[in-house]
Amino acid sequence: MDCVLPVPTYRQVFFVEAMPRERDGESGKYTDSYSDEDFVDAIKHEGGIAGTGAIADFVGCSHRQALNRLYDLEEQNEITSKDVGRSLVWQIDSE
């Protein structure tokens, strides 16, 4: 007697069903899962200066998401970045 298992669909194999993301009522943009303070806290946790990867690991987001948020924080003059070799490090802006 052969046992036949159902074959998963393309959608079941290649797409992960995620919780729906919430949108801002005014702008229609997705709301952030992580606060700006989460990223600043990650830098503080690393001793005041940290690389993008360490920040992403601490916050629990992707490297790309961390990089985008860090650039936003830099534009707001909350943090600064510096090239160190081939890496980018971030530190809290001290005015």
PDB file of N, CA and C in Angstrom:
ATOM      1  N   MET A   1       0.845  -1.174   0.000  1.00  0.00           N
ATOM      2  CA  MET A   1       0.000   0.000   0.000  1.00  0.00           C
ATOM      3  C   MET A   1       0.894   1.242   0.000  1.00  0.00           C
ATOM      4  N   ASP A   2       0.767   2.046  -1.031  1.00  0.00           N
ATOM      5  CA  ASP A   2       1.550   3.268  -1.137  1.00  0.00           C
ATOM      6  C   ASP A   2       0.848   4.404  -0.402  1.00  0.00           C
ATOM      7  N   CYS A   3       1.681   5.206   0.236  1.00  0.00           N
ATOM      8  CA  CYS A   3       1.169   6.378   0.936  1.00  0.00           C
ATOM      9  C   CYS A   3       1.458   7.605   0.068  1.00  0.00           C
ATOM     10  N   VAL A   4       0.452   8.343  -0.289  1.00  0.00           N
ATOM     11  CA  VAL A   4       0.615   9.512  -1.134  1.00  0.00           C
ATOM     12  C   VAL A   4       0.454  10.757  -0.269  1.00  0.00           C
ATOM     13  N   LEU A   5       1.508  11.560  -0.239  1.00  0.00           N
ATOM     14  CA  LEU A   5       1.472  12.801   0.517  1.00  0.00           C
ATOM     15  C   LEU A   5       1.132  13.946  -0.410  1.00  0.00           C
ATOM     16  N   PRO A   6       0.394  14.920   0.086  1.00  0.00           N
ATOM     17  CA  PRO A   6       0.077  16.064  -0.782  1.00  0.00           C
ATOM     18  C   PRO A   6       1.341  16.864  -1.106  1.00  0.00           C
ATOM     19  N   VAL A   7       1.414  17.323  -2.319  1.00  0.00           N
ATOM     20  CA  VAL A   7       2.547  18.128  -2.764  1.00  0.00           C
ATOM     21  C   VAL A   7       2.239  19.583  -2.406  1.00  0.00           C
ATOM     22  N   PRO A   8       3.171  20.252  -1.704  1.00  0.00           N
ATOM     23  CA  PRO A   8       2.904  21.652  -1.346  1.00  0.00           C
ATOM     24  C   PRO A   8       2.839  22.535  -2.583  1.00  0.00           C
ATOM     25  N   THR A   9       2.024  23.546  -2.508  1.00  0.00           N
ATOM     26  CA  THR A   9       1.898  24.484  -3.622  1.00  0.00           C
ATOM     27  C   THR A   9       3.107  25.406  -3.644  1.00  0.00           C
ATOM     28  N   TYR A  10       3.268  26.093  -4.755  1.00  0.00           N
ATOM     29  CA  TYR A  10       4.354  27.061  -4.909  1.00  0.00           C
ATOM     30  C   TYR A  10       4.287  28.094  -3.789  1.00  0.00           C
ATOM     31  N   ARG A  11       3.088  28.578  -3.502  1.00  0.00           N
ATOM     32  CA  ARG A  11       2.913  29.606  -2.474  1.00  0.00           C
ATOM     33  C   ARG A  11       3.328  29.079  -1.106  1.00  0.00           C
ATOM     34  N   GLN A  12       2.987  27.846  -0.793  1.00  0.00           N
ATOM     35  CA  GLN A  12       3.350  27.278   0.502  1.00  0.00           C
ATOM     36  C   GLN A  12       4.858  27.106   0.640  1.00  0.00           C
ATOM     37  N   VAL A  13       5.546  26.866  -0.452  1.00  0.00           N
ATOM     38  CA  VAL A  13       6.979  26.630  -0.419  1.00  0.00           C
ATOM     39  C   VAL A  13       7.768  27.934  -0.401  1.00  0.00           C
ATOM     40  N   PHE A  14       7.371  28.902  -1.210  1.00  0.00           N
ATOM     41  CA  PHE A  14       8.198  30.071  -1.427  1.00  0.00           C
ATOM     42  C   PHE A  14       7.750  31.348  -0.721  1.00  0.00           C
ATOM     43  N   PHE A  15       6.583  31.344  -0.148  1.00  0.00           N
ATOM     44  CA  PHE A  15       6.111  32.542   0.535  1.00  0.00           C
ATOM     45  C   PHE A  15       5.796  32.210   1.982  1.00  0.00           C
ATOM     46  N   VAL A  16       6.221  33.077   2.851  1.00  0.00           N
ATOM     47  CA  VAL A  16       5.926  32.925   4.265  1.00  0.00           C
ATOM     48  C   VAL A  16       4.755  33.831   4.580  1.00  0.00           C
ATOM     49  N   GLU A  17       3.743  33.271   5.166  1.00  0.00           N
ATOM     50  CA  GLU A  17       2.598  34.073   5.549  1.00  0.00           C
ATOM     51  C   GLU A  17       2.980  34.872   6.785  1.00  0.00           C
ATOM     52  N   ALA A  18       3.049  36.163   6.652  1.00  0.00           N
ATOM     53  CA  ALA A  18       3.445  37.031   7.750  1.00  0.00           C
ATOM     54  C   ALA A  18       2.221  37.747   8.306  1.00  0.00           C
ATOM     55  N   MET A  19       2.382  38.234   9.519  1.00  0.00           N
ATOM     56  CA  MET A  19       1.321  39.038  10.095  1.00  0.00           C
ATOM     57  C   MET A  19       1.208  40.315   9.269  1.00  0.00           C
ATOM     58  N   PRO A  20      -0.016  40.784   9.061  1.00  0.00           N
ATOM     59  CA  PRO A  20      -0.148  42.015   8.280  1.00  0.00           C
ATOM     60  C   PRO A  20       0.514  43.188   8.989  1.00  0.00           C
ATOM     61  N   ARG A  21       1.170  44.008   8.204  1.00  0.00           N
ATOM     62  CA  ARG A  21       1.840  45.182   8.763  1.00  0.00           C
ATOM     63  C   ARG A  21       0.836  46.323   8.831  1.00  0.00           C
ATOM     64  N   GLU A  22       0.986  47.161   9.827  1.00  0.00           N
ATOM     65  CA  GLU A  22       0.085  48.284   9.990  1.00  0.00           C
ATOM     66  C   GLU A  22       0.610  49.485   9.213  1.00  0.00           C
ATOM     67  N   ARG A  23      -0.326  50.276   8.703  1.00  0.00           N
ATOM     68  CA  ARG A  23       0.028  51.476   7.953  1.00  0.00           C
ATOM     69  C   ARG A  23      -0.378  52.721   8.732  1.00  0.00           C
ATOM     70  N   ASP A  24       0.387  53.772   8.525  1.00  0.00           N
ATOM     71  CA  ASP A  24       0.067  55.068   9.100  1.00  0.00           C
ATOM     72  C   ASP A  24      -1.170  55.609   8.385  1.00  0.00           C
ATOM     73  N   GLY A  25      -2.125  56.118   9.146  1.00  0.00           N
ATOM     74  CA  GLY A  25      -3.368  56.605   8.567  1.00  0.00           C
ATOM     75  C   GLY A  25      -3.190  57.783   7.635  1.00  0.00           C
ATOM     76  N   GLU A  26      -2.264  58.689   7.939  1.00  0.00           N
ATOM     77  CA  GLU A  26      -2.066  59.882   7.115  1.00  0.00           C
ATOM     78  C   GLU A  26      -1.227  59.619   5.879  1.00  0.00           C
ATOM     79  N   SER A  27      -0.035  59.048   6.087  1.00  0.00           N
ATOM     80  CA  SER A  27       0.907  58.899   4.975  1.00  0.00           C
ATOM     81  C   SER A  27       0.685  57.624   4.171  1.00  0.00           C
ATOM     82  N   GLY A  28       0.070  56.627   4.787  1.00  0.00           N
ATOM     83  CA  GLY A  28      -0.108  55.345   4.110  1.00  0.00           C
ATOM     84  C   GLY A  28       1.127  54.464   4.159  1.00  0.00           C
ATOM     85  N   LYS A  29       2.221  54.985   4.759  1.00  0.00           N
ATOM     86  CA  LYS A  29       3.453  54.208   4.868  1.00  0.00           C
ATOM     87  C   LYS A  29       3.314  53.178   5.983  1.00  0.00           C
ATOM     88  N   TYR A  30       4.064  52.105   5.856  1.00  0.00           N
ATOM     89  CA  TYR A  30       4.086  51.113   6.917  1.00  0.00           C
ATOM     90  C   TYR A  30       4.706  51.710   8.169  1.00  0.00           C
ATOM     91  N   THR A  31       4.167  51.347   9.319  1.00  0.00           N
ATOM     92  CA  THR A  31       4.750  51.819  10.571  1.00  0.00           C
ATOM     93  C   THR A  31       5.958  50.956  10.907  1.00  0.00           C
ATOM     94  N   ASP A  32       6.897  51.535  11.631  1.00  0.00           N
ATOM     95  CA  ASP A  32       8.123  50.828  11.971  1.00  0.00           C
ATOM     96  C   ASP A  32       7.899  49.882  13.140  1.00  0.00           C
ATOM     97  N   SER A  33       8.531  48.733  13.052  1.00  0.00           N
ATOM     98  CA  SER A  33       8.467  47.767  14.143  1.00  0.00           C
ATOM     99  C   SER A  33       9.467  48.113  15.232  1.00  0.00           C
ATOM    100  N   TYR A  34      10.462  48.891  14.885  1.00  0.00           N
ATOM    101  CA  TYR A  34      11.538  49.229  15.810  1.00  0.00           C
ATOM    102  C   TYR A  34      11.592  50.742  15.961  1.00  0.00           C
ATOM    103  N   SER A  35      11.788  51.186  17.177  1.00  0.00           N
ATOM    104  CA  SER A  35      11.860  52.624  17.424  1.00  0.00           C
ATOM    105  C   SER A  35      13.273  53.131  17.146  1.00  0.00           C
ATOM    106  N   ASP A  36      13.377  54.443  16.990  1.00  0.00           N
ATOM    107  CA  ASP A  36      14.692  55.056  16.829  1.00  0.00           C
ATOM    108  C   ASP A  36      15.555  54.758  18.049  1.00  0.00           C
ATOM    109  N   GLU A  37      14.919  54.754  19.202  1.00  0.00           N
ATOM    110  CA  GLU A  37      15.654  54.494  20.440  1.00  0.00           C
ATOM    111  C   GLU A  37      16.271  53.093  20.457  1.00  0.00           C
ATOM    112  N   ASP A  38      15.629  52.125  19.801  1.00  0.00           N
ATOM    113  CA  ASP A  38      16.200  50.773  19.722  1.00  0.00           C
ATOM    114  C   ASP A  38      17.577  50.812  19.062  1.00  0.00           C
ATOM    115  N   PHE A  39      17.712  51.621  18.016  1.00  0.00           N
ATOM    116  CA  PHE A  39      18.978  51.706  17.295  1.00  0.00           C
ATOM    117  C   PHE A  39      20.023  52.481  18.101  1.00  0.00           C
ATOM    118  N   VAL A  40      19.592  53.536  18.771  1.00  0.00           N
ATOM    119  CA  VAL A  40      20.503  54.303  19.621  1.00  0.00           C
ATOM    120  C   VAL A  40      20.962  53.438  20.800  1.00  0.00           C
ATOM    121  N   ASP A  41      20.031  52.685  21.383  1.00  0.00           N
ATOM    122  CA  ASP A  41      20.384  51.781  22.490  1.00  0.00           C
ATOM    123  C   ASP A  41      21.400  50.730  22.054  1.00  0.00           C
ATOM    124  N   ALA A  42      21.281  50.269  20.814  1.00  0.00           N
ATOM    125  CA  ALA A  42      22.233  49.278  20.302  1.00  0.00           C
ATOM    126  C   ALA A  42      23.638  49.866  20.246  1.00  0.00           C
ATOM    127  N   ILE A  43      23.736  51.114  19.836  1.00  0.00           N
ATOM    128  CA  ILE A  43      25.051  51.767  19.790  1.00  0.00           C
ATOM    129  C   ILE A  43      25.602  51.922  21.202  1.00  0.00           C
ATOM    130  N   LYS A  44      24.747  52.346  22.129  1.00  0.00           N
ATOM    131  CA  LYS A  44      25.174  52.485  23.526  1.00  0.00           C
ATOM    132  C   LYS A  44      25.627  51.140  24.094  1.00  0.00           C
ATOM    133  N   HIS A  45      24.894  50.085  23.760  1.00  0.00           N
ATOM    134  CA  HIS A  45      25.224  48.741  24.246  1.00  0.00           C
ATOM    135  C   HIS A  45      26.600  48.293  23.782  1.00  0.00           C
ATOM    136  N   GLU A  46      26.999  48.746  22.606  1.00  0.00           N
ATOM    137  CA  GLU A  46      28.296  48.375  22.042  1.00  0.00           C
ATOM    138  C   GLU A  46      29.409  49.317  22.488  1.00  0.00           C
ATOM    139  N   GLY A  47      29.124  50.191  23.451  1.00  0.00           N
ATOM    140  CA  GLY A  47      30.149  51.073  23.974  1.00  0.00           C
ATOM    141  C   GLY A  47      30.206  52.444  23.314  1.00  0.00           C
ATOM    142  N   GLY A  48      29.160  52.809  22.594  1.00  0.00           N
ATOM    143  CA  GLY A  48      29.108  54.133  21.996  1.00  0.00           C
ATOM    144  C   GLY A  48      29.512  54.191  20.539  1.00  0.00           C
ATOM    145  N   ILE A  49      30.033  53.097  20.016  1.00  0.00           N
ATOM    146  CA  ILE A  49      30.394  53.028  18.595  1.00  0.00           C
ATOM    147  C   ILE A  49      30.173  51.587  18.142  1.00  0.00           C
ATOM    148  N   ALA A  50      29.509  51.426  16.988  1.00  0.00           N
ATOM    149  CA  ALA A  50      29.165  50.074  16.540  1.00  0.00           C
ATOM    150  C   ALA A  50      29.008  50.027  15.030  1.00  0.00           C
ATOM    151  N   GLY A  51      29.243  48.867  14.484  1.00  0.00           N
ATOM    152  CA  GLY A  51      29.035  48.619  13.061  1.00  0.00           C
ATOM    153  C   GLY A  51      27.579  48.278  12.793  1.00  0.00           C
ATOM    154  N   THR A  52      27.197  48.380  11.548  1.00  0.00           N
ATOM    155  CA  THR A  52      25.811  48.133  11.147  1.00  0.00           C
ATOM    156  C   THR A  52      25.364  46.722  11.513  1.00  0.00           C
ATOM    157  N   GLY A  53      26.222  45.748  11.293  1.00  0.00           N
ATOM    158  CA  GLY A  53      25.854  44.360  11.589  1.00  0.00           C
ATOM    159  C   GLY A  53      25.575  44.130  13.061  1.00  0.00           C
ATOM    160  N   ALA A  54      26.409  44.703  13.923  1.00  0.00           N
ATOM    161  CA  ALA A  54      26.209  44.543  15.367  1.00  0.00           C
ATOM    162  C   ALA A  54      24.908  45.215  15.801  1.00  0.00           C
ATOM    163  N   ILE A  55      24.605  46.347  15.200  1.00  0.00           N
ATOM    164  CA  ILE A  55      23.367  47.055  15.526  1.00  0.00           C
ATOM    165  C   ILE A  55      22.159  46.242  15.068  1.00  0.00           C
ATOM    166  N   ALA A  56      22.221  45.715  13.851  1.00  0.00           N
ATOM    167  CA  ALA A  56      21.125  44.891  13.328  1.00  0.00           C
ATOM    168  C   ALA A  56      20.896  43.669  14.209  1.00  0.00           C
ATOM    169  N   ASP A  57      21.975  43.024  14.637  1.00  0.00           N
ATOM    170  CA  ASP A  57      21.856  41.852  15.508  1.00  0.00           C
ATOM    171  C   ASP A  57      21.211  42.212  16.838  1.00  0.00           C
ATOM    172  N   PHE A  58      21.615  43.324  17.421  1.00  0.00           N
ATOM    173  CA  PHE A  58      21.080  43.739  18.714  1.00  0.00           C
ATOM    174  C   PHE A  58      19.590  44.068  18.606  1.00  0.00           C
ATOM    175  N   VAL A  59      19.227  44.798  17.555  1.00  0.00           N
ATOM    176  CA  VAL A  59      17.830  45.210  17.372  1.00  0.00           C
ATOM    177  C   VAL A  59      16.970  44.027  16.939  1.00  0.00           C
ATOM    178  N   GLY A  60      17.548  43.134  16.129  1.00  0.00           N
ATOM    179  CA  GLY A  60      16.804  41.977  15.640  1.00  0.00           C
ATOM    180  C   GLY A  60      16.163  42.218  14.284  1.00  0.00           C
ATOM    181  N   CYS A  61      16.790  43.074  13.483  1.00  0.00           N
ATOM    182  CA  CYS A  61      16.268  43.358  12.154  1.00  0.00           C
ATOM    183  C   CYS A  61      17.318  42.993  11.111  1.00  0.00           C
ATOM    184  N   SER A  62      16.961  43.163   9.853  1.00  0.00           N
ATOM    185  CA  SER A  62      17.905  42.863   8.777  1.00  0.00           C
ATOM    186  C   SER A  62      18.978  43.948   8.691  1.00  0.00           C
ATOM    187  N   HIS A  63      20.089  43.592   8.084  1.00  0.00           N
ATOM    188  CA  HIS A  63      21.186  44.530   7.881  1.00  0.00           C
ATOM    189  C   HIS A  63      20.699  45.722   7.069  1.00  0.00           C
ATOM    190  N   ARG A  64      19.928  45.477   6.009  1.00  0.00           N
ATOM    191  CA  ARG A  64      19.424  46.536   5.139  1.00  0.00           C
ATOM    192  C   ARG A  64      18.494  47.478   5.907  1.00  0.00           C
ATOM    193  N   GLN A  65      17.597  46.909   6.730  1.00  0.00           N
ATOM    194  CA  GLN A  65      16.686  47.751   7.495  1.00  0.00           C
ATOM    195  C   GLN A  65      17.460  48.616   8.498  1.00  0.00           C
ATOM    196  N   ALA A  66      18.451  48.021   9.140  1.00  0.00           N
ATOM    197  CA  ALA A  66      19.270  48.782  10.082  1.00  0.00           C
ATOM    198  C   ALA A  66      19.992  49.909   9.355  1.00  0.00           C
ATOM    199  N   LEU A  67      20.579  49.617   8.218  1.00  0.00           N
ATOM    200  CA  LEU A  67      21.312  50.626   7.465  1.00  0.00           C
ATOM    201  C   LEU A  67      20.400  51.789   7.074  1.00  0.00           C
ATOM    202  N   ASN A  68      19.213  51.483   6.592  1.00  0.00           N
ATOM    203  CA  ASN A  68      18.274  52.544   6.209  1.00  0.00           C
ATOM    204  C   ASN A  68      17.888  53.402   7.410  1.00  0.00           C
ATOM    205  N   ARG A  69      17.596  52.767   8.531  1.00  0.00           N
ATOM    206  CA  ARG A  69      17.206  53.527   9.728  1.00  0.00           C
ATOM    207  C   ARG A  69      18.368  54.340  10.271  1.00  0.00           C
ATOM    208  N   LEU A  70      19.576  53.798  10.213  1.00  0.00           N
ATOM    209  CA  LEU A  70      20.747  54.526  10.689  1.00  0.00           C
ATOM    210  C   LEU A  70      21.012  55.759   9.824  1.00  0.00           C
ATOM    211  N   TYR A  71      20.838  55.625   8.510  1.00  0.00           N
ATOM    212  CA  TYR A  71      20.974  56.795   7.634  1.00  0.00           C
ATOM    213  C   TYR A  71      19.928  57.852   7.987  1.00  0.00           C
ATOM    214  N   ASP A  72      18.693  57.414   8.289  1.00  0.00           N
ATOM    215  CA  ASP A  72      17.648  58.359   8.693  1.00  0.00           C
ATOM    216  C   ASP A  72      18.036  59.084   9.977  1.00  0.00           C
ATOM    217  N   LEU A  73      18.555  58.338  10.949  1.00  0.00           N
ATOM    218  CA  LEU A  73      18.969  58.944  12.214  1.00  0.00           C
ATOM    219  C   LEU A  73      20.132  59.909  12.008  1.00  0.00           C
ATOM    220  N   GLU A  74      20.997  59.583  11.053  1.00  0.00           N
ATOM    221  CA  GLU A  74      22.115  60.486  10.757  1.00  0.00           C
ATOM    222  C   GLU A  74      21.593  61.790  10.150  1.00  0.00           C
ATOM    223  N   GLU A  75      20.605  61.701   9.280  1.00  0.00           N
ATOM    224  CA  GLU A  75      20.016  62.905   8.690  1.00  0.00           C
ATOM    225  C   GLU A  75      19.354  63.776   9.750  1.00  0.00           C
ATOM    226  N   GLN A  76      18.855  63.152  10.828  1.00  0.00           N
ATOM    227  CA  GLN A  76      18.211  63.878  11.927  1.00  0.00           C
ATOM    228  C   GLN A  76      19.234  64.359  12.958  1.00  0.00           C
ATOM    229  N   ASN A  77      20.513  64.143  12.663  1.00  0.00           N
ATOM    230  CA  ASN A  77      21.617  64.537  13.556  1.00  0.00           C
ATOM    231  C   ASN A  77      21.567  63.859  14.918  1.00  0.00           C
ATOM    232  N   GLU A  78      21.017  62.647  14.960  1.00  0.00           N
ATOM    233  CA  GLU A  78      20.990  61.862  16.196  1.00  0.00           C
ATOM    234  C   GLU A  78      22.277  61.063  16.364  1.00  0.00           C
ATOM    235  N   ILE A  79      22.822  60.592  15.233  1.00  0.00           N
ATOM    236  CA  ILE A  79      24.045  59.795  15.235  1.00  0.00           C
ATOM    237  C   ILE A  79      24.925  60.256  14.072  1.00  0.00           C
ATOM    238  N   THR A  80      26.177  59.812  14.088  1.00  0.00           N
ATOM    239  CA  THR A  80      27.091  60.100  12.982  1.00  0.00           C
ATOM    240  C   THR A  80      27.716  58.797  12.516  1.00  0.00           C
ATOM    241  N   SER A  81      28.183  58.809  11.281  1.00  0.00           N
ATOM    242  CA  SER A  81      28.854  57.625  10.742  1.00  0.00           C
ATOM    243  C   SER A  81      30.276  57.989  10.352  1.00  0.00           C
ATOM    244  N   LYS A  82      31.095  56.954  10.266  1.00  0.00           N
ATOM    245  CA  LYS A  82      32.489  57.141   9.883  1.00  0.00           C
ATOM    246  C   LYS A  82      32.955  55.888   9.151  1.00  0.00           C
ATOM    247  N   ASP A  83      33.684  56.101   8.052  1.00  0.00           N
ATOM    248  CA  ASP A  83      34.279  54.973   7.336  1.00  0.00           C
ATOM    249  C   ASP A  83      35.527  54.535   8.073  1.00  0.00           C
ATOM    250  N   VAL A  84      35.591  53.273   8.382  1.00  0.00           N
ATOM    251  CA  VAL A  84      36.772  52.689   9.005  1.00  0.00           C
ATOM    252  C   VAL A  84      37.172  51.512   8.118  1.00  0.00           C
ATOM    253  N   GLY A  85      38.189  51.729   7.318  1.00  0.00           N
ATOM    254  CA  GLY A  85      38.560  50.707   6.346  1.00  0.00           C
ATOM    255  C   GLY A  85      37.438  50.551   5.340  1.00  0.00           C
ATOM    256  N   ARG A  86      36.936  49.334   5.220  1.00  0.00           N
ATOM    257  CA  ARG A  86      35.821  49.081   4.314  1.00  0.00           C
ATOM    258  C   ARG A  86      34.501  48.975   5.066  1.00  0.00           C
ATOM    259  N   SER A  87      34.494  49.377   6.321  1.00  0.00           N
ATOM    260  CA  SER A  87      33.281  49.280   7.144  1.00  0.00           C
ATOM    261  C   SER A  87      32.771  50.658   7.514  1.00  0.00           C
ATOM    262  N   LEU A  88      31.509  50.711   7.843  1.00  0.00           N
ATOM    263  CA  LEU A  88      30.867  51.932   8.301  1.00  0.00           C
ATOM    264  C   LEU A  88      30.507  51.729   9.770  1.00  0.00           C
ATOM    265  N   VAL A  89      30.954  52.626  10.618  1.00  0.00           N
ATOM    266  CA  VAL A  89      30.624  52.538  12.042  1.00  0.00           C
ATOM    267  C   VAL A  89      29.781  53.753  12.412  1.00  0.00           C
ATOM    268  N   TRP A  90      28.992  53.564  13.432  1.00  0.00           N
ATOM    269  CA  TRP A  90      28.037  54.577  13.873  1.00  0.00           C
ATOM    270  C   TRP A  90      28.330  54.939  15.317  1.00  0.00           C
ATOM    271  N   GLN A  91      28.135  56.223  15.625  1.00  0.00           N
ATOM    272  CA  GLN A  91      28.289  56.650  17.012  1.00  0.00           C
ATOM    273  C   GLN A  91      27.247  57.710  17.311  1.00  0.00           C
ATOM    274  N   ILE A  92      26.961  57.874  18.583  1.00  0.00           N
ATOM    275  CA  ILE A  92      25.982  58.844  19.005  1.00  0.00           C
ATOM    276  C   ILE A  92      26.576  60.229  18.833  1.00  0.00           C
ATOM    277  N   ASP A  93      25.789  61.106  18.205  1.00  0.00           N
ATOM    278  CA  ASP A  93      26.255  62.471  17.935  1.00  0.00           C
ATOM    279  C   ASP A  93      26.387  63.234  19.232  1.00  0.00           C
ATOM    280  N   SER A  94      27.584  63.699  19.508  1.00  0.00           N
ATOM    281  CA  SER A  94      27.817  64.497  20.731  1.00  0.00           C
ATOM    282  C   SER A  94      27.982  65.950  20.325  1.00  0.00           C
ATOM    283  N   GLU A  95      26.969  66.724  20.641  1.00  0.00           N
ATOM    284  CA  GLU A  95      26.978  68.141  20.237  1.00  0.00           C
ATOM    285  C   GLU A  95      27.784  68.964  21.183  1.00  0.00           C
TER     286      GLU A  95
END
